[in-house]
N, C-alpha and C. Protein backbone atom coordinates (compact mmCIF):
# COMPACT_ATOMS: atom_id res chain seq x y z
N MET A 1 100.65 127.32 96.02
CA MET A 1 99.62 126.58 96.73
C MET A 1 100.28 125.65 97.74
N ILE A 2 99.60 125.42 98.83
CA ILE A 2 100.09 124.56 99.90
C ILE A 2 99.17 123.35 100.00
N GLU A 3 99.78 122.17 100.10
CA GLU A 3 99.02 120.94 100.29
C GLU A 3 99.05 120.59 101.78
N VAL A 4 97.87 120.63 102.40
CA VAL A 4 97.74 120.21 103.80
C VAL A 4 97.14 118.82 103.78
N GLU A 5 97.88 117.86 104.31
CA GLU A 5 97.49 116.46 104.18
C GLU A 5 97.87 115.69 105.43
N THR A 6 96.98 114.78 105.82
CA THR A 6 97.28 113.86 106.91
C THR A 6 96.93 112.46 106.42
N LYS A 7 97.84 111.52 106.72
CA LYS A 7 97.67 110.13 106.28
C LYS A 7 97.41 109.25 107.50
N TYR A 8 96.51 108.27 107.33
CA TYR A 8 96.14 107.35 108.39
C TYR A 8 96.26 105.92 107.89
N ARG A 9 96.74 105.03 108.74
CA ARG A 9 96.71 103.60 108.45
C ARG A 9 95.31 103.11 108.78
N LEU A 10 94.73 102.31 107.90
CA LEU A 10 93.37 101.82 108.11
C LEU A 10 93.38 100.37 108.57
N SER A 11 92.59 100.09 109.58
CA SER A 11 92.43 98.71 110.01
C SER A 11 91.15 98.12 109.41
N ASP A 12 90.18 98.99 109.06
CA ASP A 12 88.92 98.53 108.47
C ASP A 12 88.53 99.46 107.32
N LYS A 13 89.09 99.18 106.16
CA LYS A 13 88.87 100.04 104.99
C LYS A 13 87.40 100.13 104.61
N GLN A 14 86.68 99.02 104.66
CA GLN A 14 85.28 99.02 104.26
C GLN A 14 84.44 99.92 105.16
N LYS A 15 84.66 99.85 106.45
CA LYS A 15 83.91 100.68 107.40
C LYS A 15 84.15 102.17 107.12
N VAL A 16 85.39 102.53 106.85
CA VAL A 16 85.72 103.93 106.59
C VAL A 16 85.11 104.41 105.27
N THR A 17 85.14 103.58 104.23
CA THR A 17 84.57 104.01 102.95
C THR A 17 83.05 104.15 103.05
N GLU A 18 82.40 103.31 103.83
CA GLU A 18 80.96 103.46 104.05
C GLU A 18 80.67 104.77 104.77
N LYS A 19 81.49 105.11 105.76
CA LYS A 19 81.30 106.36 106.52
C LYS A 19 81.54 107.58 105.63
N LEU A 20 82.52 107.50 104.72
CA LEU A 20 82.75 108.60 103.79
C LEU A 20 81.49 108.90 102.98
N LYS A 21 80.85 107.86 102.49
CA LYS A 21 79.63 108.03 101.71
C LYS A 21 78.52 108.64 102.56
N GLU A 22 78.40 108.21 103.81
CA GLU A 22 77.41 108.78 104.73
C GLU A 22 77.65 110.27 104.95
N LEU A 23 78.93 110.68 104.92
CA LEU A 23 79.30 112.08 105.14
C LEU A 23 79.18 112.93 103.88
N GLY A 24 78.71 112.32 102.79
CA GLY A 24 78.48 113.09 101.57
C GLY A 24 79.65 113.16 100.61
N PHE A 25 80.67 112.35 100.84
CA PHE A 25 81.79 112.31 99.90
C PHE A 25 81.40 111.48 98.69
N ILE A 26 81.75 111.96 97.52
CA ILE A 26 81.44 111.28 96.26
C ILE A 26 82.71 110.58 95.78
N GLY A 27 82.61 109.26 95.58
CA GLY A 27 83.76 108.47 95.16
C GLY A 27 83.88 108.38 93.65
N LYS A 28 85.13 108.34 93.19
CA LYS A 28 85.42 108.14 91.77
C LYS A 28 85.75 106.66 91.56
N ASP A 29 85.97 106.29 90.32
CA ASP A 29 86.37 104.91 90.01
C ASP A 29 87.80 104.68 90.51
N PRO A 30 88.10 103.44 90.90
CA PRO A 30 89.47 103.13 91.33
C PRO A 30 90.45 103.31 90.17
N VAL A 31 91.66 103.76 90.50
CA VAL A 31 92.72 103.88 89.49
C VAL A 31 93.97 103.18 90.00
N HIS A 32 94.69 102.59 89.09
CA HIS A 32 95.96 101.93 89.39
C HIS A 32 97.06 102.96 89.12
N GLN A 33 97.87 103.27 90.13
CA GLN A 33 98.94 104.25 90.00
C GLN A 33 100.29 103.58 90.23
N VAL A 34 101.24 103.96 89.40
CA VAL A 34 102.61 103.51 89.59
C VAL A 34 103.47 104.77 89.66
N ASP A 35 104.18 104.92 90.77
CA ASP A 35 105.04 106.07 90.99
C ASP A 35 106.49 105.65 90.99
N LYS A 36 107.31 106.42 90.33
CA LYS A 36 108.76 106.25 90.40
C LYS A 36 109.27 107.50 91.12
N VAL A 37 110.00 107.30 92.23
CA VAL A 37 110.38 108.40 93.11
C VAL A 37 111.88 108.66 92.99
N PHE A 38 112.22 109.96 92.94
CA PHE A 38 113.60 110.39 92.74
C PHE A 38 114.01 111.37 93.84
N LEU A 39 115.27 111.25 94.27
CA LEU A 39 115.86 112.19 95.23
C LEU A 39 117.07 112.85 94.59
N VAL A 40 117.36 114.09 95.02
CA VAL A 40 118.47 114.82 94.42
C VAL A 40 119.73 114.82 95.27
N ASN A 41 119.61 114.86 96.56
CA ASN A 41 120.79 114.99 97.41
C ASN A 41 121.15 113.72 98.17
N SER A 42 120.50 112.62 97.85
CA SER A 42 120.81 111.36 98.52
C SER A 42 120.40 110.18 97.65
N ASP A 43 120.98 109.03 97.99
CA ASP A 43 120.71 107.82 97.22
C ASP A 43 119.54 107.02 97.78
N SER A 44 119.08 107.35 98.99
CA SER A 44 117.98 106.62 99.61
C SER A 44 117.33 107.49 100.67
N PHE A 45 116.19 107.02 101.15
CA PHE A 45 115.52 107.77 102.22
C PHE A 45 116.25 107.63 103.55
N LYS A 46 117.18 106.70 103.64
CA LYS A 46 117.96 106.57 104.88
C LYS A 46 118.86 107.77 105.09
N THR A 47 119.30 108.41 103.98
CA THR A 47 120.18 109.58 104.09
C THR A 47 119.48 110.86 103.67
N PHE A 48 118.19 110.79 103.45
CA PHE A 48 117.38 111.93 103.00
C PHE A 48 117.26 112.98 104.11
N THR A 49 117.36 114.24 103.74
CA THR A 49 117.18 115.34 104.68
C THR A 49 115.80 115.95 104.46
N PRO A 50 114.94 115.92 105.49
CA PRO A 50 113.61 116.54 105.33
C PRO A 50 113.75 118.00 104.87
N GLY A 51 112.92 118.35 103.91
CA GLY A 51 112.98 119.68 103.32
C GLY A 51 113.64 119.67 101.96
N ASP A 52 114.41 118.60 101.66
CA ASP A 52 114.97 118.45 100.32
C ASP A 52 113.83 118.11 99.36
N PRO A 53 113.95 118.51 98.09
CA PRO A 53 112.89 118.19 97.14
C PRO A 53 112.83 116.70 96.81
N VAL A 54 111.62 116.24 96.53
CA VAL A 54 111.37 114.87 96.08
C VAL A 54 110.61 114.98 94.77
N ALA A 55 111.08 114.28 93.75
CA ALA A 55 110.40 114.26 92.46
C ALA A 55 109.73 112.91 92.28
N ARG A 56 108.59 112.95 91.58
CA ARG A 56 107.84 111.71 91.34
C ARG A 56 107.30 111.74 89.91
N ILE A 57 107.43 110.62 89.23
CA ILE A 57 106.74 110.43 87.96
C ILE A 57 105.65 109.42 88.22
N ARG A 58 104.41 109.85 88.03
CA ARG A 58 103.24 108.99 88.28
C ARG A 58 102.59 108.64 86.95
N SER A 59 102.32 107.36 86.76
CA SER A 59 101.64 106.90 85.55
C SER A 59 100.28 106.32 85.94
N VAL A 60 99.24 106.83 85.29
CA VAL A 60 97.87 106.39 85.51
C VAL A 60 97.19 106.28 84.15
N ASN A 61 96.76 105.08 83.81
CA ASN A 61 96.03 104.86 82.55
C ASN A 61 96.77 105.43 81.35
N GLY A 62 98.08 105.25 81.29
CA GLY A 62 98.85 105.69 80.14
C GLY A 62 99.22 107.16 80.14
N VAL A 63 98.82 107.90 81.16
CA VAL A 63 99.14 109.33 81.26
C VAL A 63 100.11 109.51 82.43
N SER A 64 101.19 110.25 82.17
CA SER A 64 102.20 110.44 83.21
C SER A 64 102.29 111.90 83.62
N SER A 65 102.59 112.10 84.90
CA SER A 65 102.80 113.45 85.42
C SER A 65 104.10 113.48 86.21
N LEU A 66 104.73 114.65 86.19
CA LEU A 66 105.94 114.89 86.97
C LEU A 66 105.56 115.84 88.09
N THR A 67 105.89 115.45 89.33
CA THR A 67 105.57 116.26 90.49
C THR A 67 106.84 116.50 91.28
N LEU A 68 107.01 117.74 91.73
CA LEU A 68 108.11 118.08 92.62
C LEU A 68 107.48 118.57 93.91
N LYS A 69 107.88 117.95 95.04
CA LYS A 69 107.37 118.32 96.35
C LYS A 69 108.53 118.67 97.26
N ARG A 70 108.25 119.61 98.17
CA ARG A 70 109.24 119.96 99.19
C ARG A 70 108.49 120.26 100.47
N ALA A 71 108.84 119.53 101.54
CA ALA A 71 108.19 119.73 102.84
C ALA A 71 108.55 121.11 103.39
N ILE A 72 107.55 121.77 103.99
CA ILE A 72 107.81 123.10 104.55
C ILE A 72 107.69 123.13 106.07
N ASN A 73 107.24 122.01 106.66
CA ASN A 73 107.17 121.93 108.12
C ASN A 73 107.09 120.47 108.54
N LYS A 74 107.11 120.25 109.84
CA LYS A 74 107.09 118.88 110.36
C LYS A 74 105.70 118.24 110.31
N SER A 75 104.66 119.03 110.03
CA SER A 75 103.30 118.49 109.92
C SER A 75 103.08 117.76 108.62
N GLY A 76 104.01 117.88 107.69
CA GLY A 76 103.86 117.20 106.41
C GLY A 76 103.32 118.08 105.30
N ASP A 77 103.08 119.37 105.58
CA ASP A 77 102.62 120.28 104.54
C ASP A 77 103.74 120.45 103.52
N THR A 78 103.37 120.55 102.24
CA THR A 78 104.38 120.64 101.19
C THR A 78 104.03 121.72 100.18
N ILE A 79 105.07 122.24 99.54
CA ILE A 79 104.90 123.02 98.32
C ILE A 79 104.95 121.99 97.20
N GLU A 80 104.02 122.11 96.25
CA GLU A 80 103.92 121.09 95.22
C GLU A 80 103.74 121.73 93.86
N HIS A 81 104.50 121.24 92.88
CA HIS A 81 104.38 121.66 91.49
C HIS A 81 104.18 120.40 90.66
N GLU A 82 103.23 120.44 89.71
CA GLU A 82 102.93 119.24 88.93
C GLU A 82 102.63 119.60 87.50
N MET A 83 103.06 118.73 86.58
CA MET A 83 102.76 118.92 85.16
C MET A 83 102.66 117.57 84.47
N THR A 84 101.90 117.52 83.39
CA THR A 84 101.79 116.32 82.58
C THR A 84 103.05 116.20 81.72
N VAL A 85 103.55 114.98 81.58
CA VAL A 85 104.74 114.74 80.75
C VAL A 85 104.45 113.61 79.77
N ASP A 86 105.05 113.72 78.58
CA ASP A 86 104.86 112.70 77.57
C ASP A 86 106.08 112.69 76.67
N PRO A 87 106.82 111.62 76.63
CA PRO A 87 106.67 110.39 77.40
C PRO A 87 107.33 110.52 78.78
N ALA A 88 107.00 109.58 79.65
CA ALA A 88 107.57 109.58 81.01
C ALA A 88 109.09 109.47 80.96
N SER A 89 109.61 108.76 79.95
CA SER A 89 111.07 108.59 79.85
C SER A 89 111.78 109.92 79.65
N ALA A 90 111.12 110.89 79.01
CA ALA A 90 111.72 112.22 78.84
C ALA A 90 111.88 112.90 80.20
N ALA A 91 110.88 112.75 81.07
CA ALA A 91 110.97 113.33 82.41
C ALA A 91 112.07 112.64 83.21
N GLU A 92 112.20 111.31 83.05
CA GLU A 92 113.28 110.59 83.74
C GLU A 92 114.64 111.10 83.29
N GLY A 93 114.80 111.34 81.99
CA GLY A 93 116.05 111.87 81.46
C GLY A 93 116.35 113.26 82.01
N LEU A 94 115.33 114.10 82.08
CA LEU A 94 115.48 115.45 82.63
C LEU A 94 115.92 115.39 84.09
N LEU A 95 115.25 114.56 84.88
CA LEU A 95 115.61 114.44 86.30
C LEU A 95 117.04 113.92 86.46
N SER A 96 117.42 112.96 85.64
CA SER A 96 118.77 112.40 85.69
C SER A 96 119.81 113.49 85.40
N GLU A 97 119.56 114.30 84.39
CA GLU A 97 120.47 115.40 84.04
C GLU A 97 120.58 116.42 85.17
N MET A 98 119.54 116.54 85.97
CA MET A 98 119.54 117.50 87.08
C MET A 98 120.12 116.90 88.36
N GLY A 99 120.57 115.66 88.29
CA GLY A 99 121.21 115.03 89.44
C GLY A 99 120.30 114.20 90.31
N TYR A 100 119.05 113.99 89.90
CA TYR A 100 118.12 113.16 90.67
C TYR A 100 118.41 111.69 90.40
N LYS A 101 118.20 110.87 91.44
CA LYS A 101 118.39 109.43 91.32
C LYS A 101 117.09 108.71 91.68
N ALA A 102 116.72 107.71 90.88
CA ALA A 102 115.54 106.90 91.18
C ALA A 102 115.85 106.07 92.43
N VAL A 103 114.95 106.13 93.43
CA VAL A 103 115.22 105.43 94.69
C VAL A 103 114.18 104.36 95.03
N THR A 104 112.95 104.49 94.53
CA THR A 104 111.94 103.48 94.85
C THR A 104 110.74 103.61 93.91
N ASP A 105 109.96 102.55 93.86
CA ASP A 105 108.69 102.55 93.12
C ASP A 105 107.56 102.28 94.11
N VAL A 106 106.43 102.92 93.87
CA VAL A 106 105.25 102.73 94.70
C VAL A 106 104.10 102.36 93.78
N GLU A 107 103.43 101.25 94.09
CA GLU A 107 102.28 100.82 93.30
C GLU A 107 101.07 100.74 94.21
N LYS A 108 99.96 101.33 93.74
CA LYS A 108 98.76 101.33 94.58
C LYS A 108 97.51 101.42 93.72
N VAL A 109 96.39 101.02 94.33
CA VAL A 109 95.07 101.27 93.77
C VAL A 109 94.44 102.33 94.65
N ARG A 110 94.00 103.43 94.03
CA ARG A 110 93.46 104.58 94.76
C ARG A 110 92.03 104.86 94.34
N ILE A 111 91.21 105.16 95.34
CA ILE A 111 89.86 105.68 95.09
C ILE A 111 89.79 107.05 95.75
N ASP A 112 89.55 108.08 94.95
CA ASP A 112 89.41 109.43 95.47
C ASP A 112 87.95 109.71 95.78
N TYR A 113 87.74 110.37 96.92
CA TYR A 113 86.43 110.83 97.33
C TYR A 113 86.51 112.35 97.47
N LYS A 114 85.47 113.05 97.04
CA LYS A 114 85.52 114.50 97.03
C LYS A 114 84.27 115.08 97.68
N ARG A 115 84.48 116.13 98.47
CA ARG A 115 83.39 116.93 99.01
C ARG A 115 83.94 118.33 99.21
N ASP A 116 83.31 119.30 98.56
CA ASP A 116 83.78 120.68 98.61
C ASP A 116 85.26 120.73 98.23
N GLU A 117 86.09 121.38 99.03
CA GLU A 117 87.51 121.51 98.71
C GLU A 117 88.36 120.37 99.27
N VAL A 118 87.71 119.37 99.84
CA VAL A 118 88.42 118.27 100.50
C VAL A 118 88.47 117.04 99.59
N THR A 119 89.67 116.48 99.47
CA THR A 119 89.84 115.21 98.77
C THR A 119 90.30 114.17 99.79
N VAL A 120 89.65 113.03 99.78
CA VAL A 120 90.05 111.91 100.62
C VAL A 120 90.41 110.77 99.68
N ALA A 121 91.64 110.27 99.81
CA ALA A 121 92.10 109.16 98.98
C ALA A 121 92.19 107.92 99.85
N VAL A 122 91.58 106.84 99.38
CA VAL A 122 91.69 105.55 100.04
C VAL A 122 92.59 104.70 99.16
N ASP A 123 93.72 104.30 99.73
CA ASP A 123 94.75 103.60 98.97
C ASP A 123 94.97 102.19 99.49
N GLU A 124 95.17 101.27 98.55
CA GLU A 124 95.65 99.93 98.86
C GLU A 124 97.04 99.87 98.23
N VAL A 125 98.07 99.95 99.08
CA VAL A 125 99.44 100.07 98.61
C VAL A 125 100.12 98.70 98.66
N THR A 126 100.66 98.29 97.50
CA THR A 126 101.38 97.02 97.43
C THR A 126 102.50 97.01 98.46
N LYS A 127 102.60 95.96 99.23
CA LYS A 127 103.59 95.71 100.28
C LYS A 127 103.31 96.46 101.59
N LEU A 128 102.30 97.37 101.61
CA LEU A 128 102.07 98.15 102.83
C LEU A 128 100.67 98.01 103.42
N GLY A 129 99.65 97.82 102.59
CA GLY A 129 98.29 97.72 103.10
C GLY A 129 97.43 98.93 102.78
N ALA A 130 96.40 99.14 103.62
CA ALA A 130 95.38 100.18 103.37
C ALA A 130 95.67 101.45 104.15
N PHE A 131 95.47 102.58 103.46
CA PHE A 131 95.68 103.90 104.05
C PHE A 131 94.60 104.85 103.57
N LEU A 132 94.48 105.96 104.27
CA LEU A 132 93.57 107.03 103.89
C LEU A 132 94.32 108.35 104.04
N GLU A 133 94.21 109.21 103.03
CA GLU A 133 94.81 110.53 103.07
C GLU A 133 93.70 111.56 102.95
N ILE A 134 93.70 112.53 103.85
CA ILE A 134 92.76 113.65 103.78
C ILE A 134 93.58 114.86 103.36
N GLU A 135 93.15 115.53 102.27
CA GLU A 135 93.96 116.60 101.69
C GLU A 135 93.12 117.81 101.35
N ILE A 136 93.69 118.98 101.63
CA ILE A 136 93.12 120.25 101.19
C ILE A 136 94.25 121.06 100.58
N ILE A 137 94.04 121.60 99.39
CA ILE A 137 94.99 122.51 98.76
C ILE A 137 94.52 123.92 99.10
N CYS A 138 95.42 124.72 99.70
CA CYS A 138 95.02 126.05 100.15
C CYS A 138 96.09 127.08 99.81
N GLU A 139 95.72 128.32 99.99
CA GLU A 139 96.66 129.43 99.81
C GLU A 139 97.59 129.49 101.01
N GLU A 140 98.77 130.04 100.79
CA GLU A 140 99.71 130.25 101.89
C GLU A 140 99.04 131.13 102.94
N GLY A 141 99.19 130.75 104.20
CA GLY A 141 98.56 131.48 105.30
C GLY A 141 97.25 130.87 105.75
N GLU A 142 96.70 129.94 104.97
CA GLU A 142 95.43 129.29 105.30
C GLU A 142 95.63 127.88 105.86
N GLU A 143 96.88 127.51 106.14
CA GLU A 143 97.18 126.15 106.55
C GLU A 143 96.48 125.72 107.84
N GLU A 144 96.42 126.59 108.82
CA GLU A 144 95.81 126.22 110.10
C GLU A 144 94.32 125.93 109.94
N ASN A 145 93.63 126.74 109.17
CA ASN A 145 92.20 126.51 108.91
C ASN A 145 92.01 125.19 108.18
N ALA A 146 92.85 124.94 107.18
CA ALA A 146 92.76 123.68 106.43
C ALA A 146 93.05 122.49 107.34
N ARG A 147 94.07 122.62 108.20
CA ARG A 147 94.43 121.52 109.11
C ARG A 147 93.27 121.22 110.07
N SER A 148 92.57 122.25 110.53
CA SER A 148 91.41 122.04 111.41
C SER A 148 90.32 121.25 110.70
N LYS A 149 90.08 121.58 109.43
CA LYS A 149 89.07 120.85 108.64
C LYS A 149 89.48 119.39 108.46
N VAL A 150 90.76 119.17 108.19
CA VAL A 150 91.26 117.80 108.02
C VAL A 150 91.03 117.00 109.29
N MET A 151 91.37 117.58 110.43
CA MET A 151 91.22 116.87 111.71
C MET A 151 89.75 116.61 112.04
N ALA A 152 88.87 117.53 111.68
CA ALA A 152 87.43 117.34 111.93
C ALA A 152 86.91 116.15 111.11
N ILE A 153 87.35 116.04 109.86
CA ILE A 153 86.92 114.92 109.02
C ILE A 153 87.47 113.61 109.58
N ALA A 154 88.72 113.62 110.02
CA ALA A 154 89.31 112.42 110.63
C ALA A 154 88.50 111.98 111.84
N ASN A 155 88.09 112.95 112.66
CA ASN A 155 87.25 112.62 113.83
C ASN A 155 85.93 112.02 113.40
N ASP A 156 85.32 112.59 112.34
CA ASP A 156 84.05 112.05 111.82
C ASP A 156 84.22 110.61 111.34
N LEU A 157 85.41 110.28 110.85
CA LEU A 157 85.69 108.93 110.36
C LEU A 157 86.18 108.00 111.47
N GLN A 158 86.20 108.52 112.69
CA GLN A 158 86.64 107.77 113.88
C GLN A 158 88.09 107.31 113.76
N LEU A 159 88.92 108.17 113.16
CA LEU A 159 90.35 107.92 113.09
C LEU A 159 91.01 108.70 114.23
N SER A 160 92.05 108.12 114.81
CA SER A 160 92.69 108.76 115.95
C SER A 160 94.13 109.14 115.62
N GLU A 161 94.73 109.90 116.51
CA GLU A 161 96.12 110.30 116.31
C GLU A 161 97.04 109.09 116.23
N SER A 162 96.69 108.00 116.90
CA SER A 162 97.54 106.80 116.85
C SER A 162 97.52 106.14 115.46
N ASP A 163 96.54 106.50 114.62
CA ASP A 163 96.45 105.96 113.26
C ASP A 163 97.28 106.78 112.27
N ILE A 164 97.75 107.96 112.68
CA ILE A 164 98.47 108.86 111.78
C ILE A 164 99.82 108.24 111.38
N VAL A 165 100.11 108.35 110.10
CA VAL A 165 101.39 107.92 109.54
C VAL A 165 102.04 109.16 108.95
N THR A 166 103.21 109.52 109.45
CA THR A 166 103.86 110.75 108.99
C THR A 166 104.78 110.55 107.80
N LYS A 167 105.18 109.33 107.53
CA LYS A 167 106.07 109.08 106.40
C LYS A 167 105.27 108.86 105.13
N LYS A 168 105.88 109.24 104.01
CA LYS A 168 105.29 109.02 102.70
C LYS A 168 105.43 107.54 102.33
N TYR A 169 104.61 107.08 101.37
CA TYR A 169 104.66 105.68 100.95
C TYR A 169 106.05 105.29 100.48
N ASP A 170 106.69 106.17 99.72
CA ASP A 170 108.02 105.84 99.21
C ASP A 170 109.01 105.63 100.36
N GLN A 171 108.89 106.41 101.42
CA GLN A 171 109.76 106.23 102.57
C GLN A 171 109.47 104.91 103.27
N LEU A 172 108.19 104.59 103.44
CA LEU A 172 107.80 103.35 104.09
C LEU A 172 108.29 102.12 103.32
N ILE A 173 108.16 102.17 102.01
CA ILE A 173 108.61 101.04 101.18
C ILE A 173 110.12 100.91 101.23
N SER A 174 110.82 102.04 101.24
CA SER A 174 112.29 102.01 101.29
C SER A 174 112.81 101.39 102.58
N GLU A 175 112.03 101.51 103.65
CA GLU A 175 112.45 100.95 104.93
C GLU A 175 112.28 99.46 104.93
């Protein structure tokens, strides 16, 4: 599966969340997420090579998941594998044995909104501010169609290309 996602910096989070509801997106309850991010071929994002895998252990309400992502193009599309882990420390030990190093932590409050196959996440990220991610998970070969849908929703939300943020939260925090 391919994750097609575009991230935007928000200047008016309330206005955008109201517009999401007008567009028929259904919001879930806010969740507090803590991510621990690991790299395998570098000690920091300053020496990170795009396309190298990034591992993340995410904890939400006492449940942890291990995710491995690898960028496949400059648009930010990624191959993603995810599984639940218990306890999180076991996943940390596994990553350490495989040569991964913990490089940063990301803490945020996220509200997911859903409509059809589209997920929109509105995040308040500690140390960074408010962001919105529009995401569609699709089959390989369907990326262009998914990207068009993402851009159409961004237009509906009155977000522009100048609002796009291409770096991941962990990269932004590391800087």
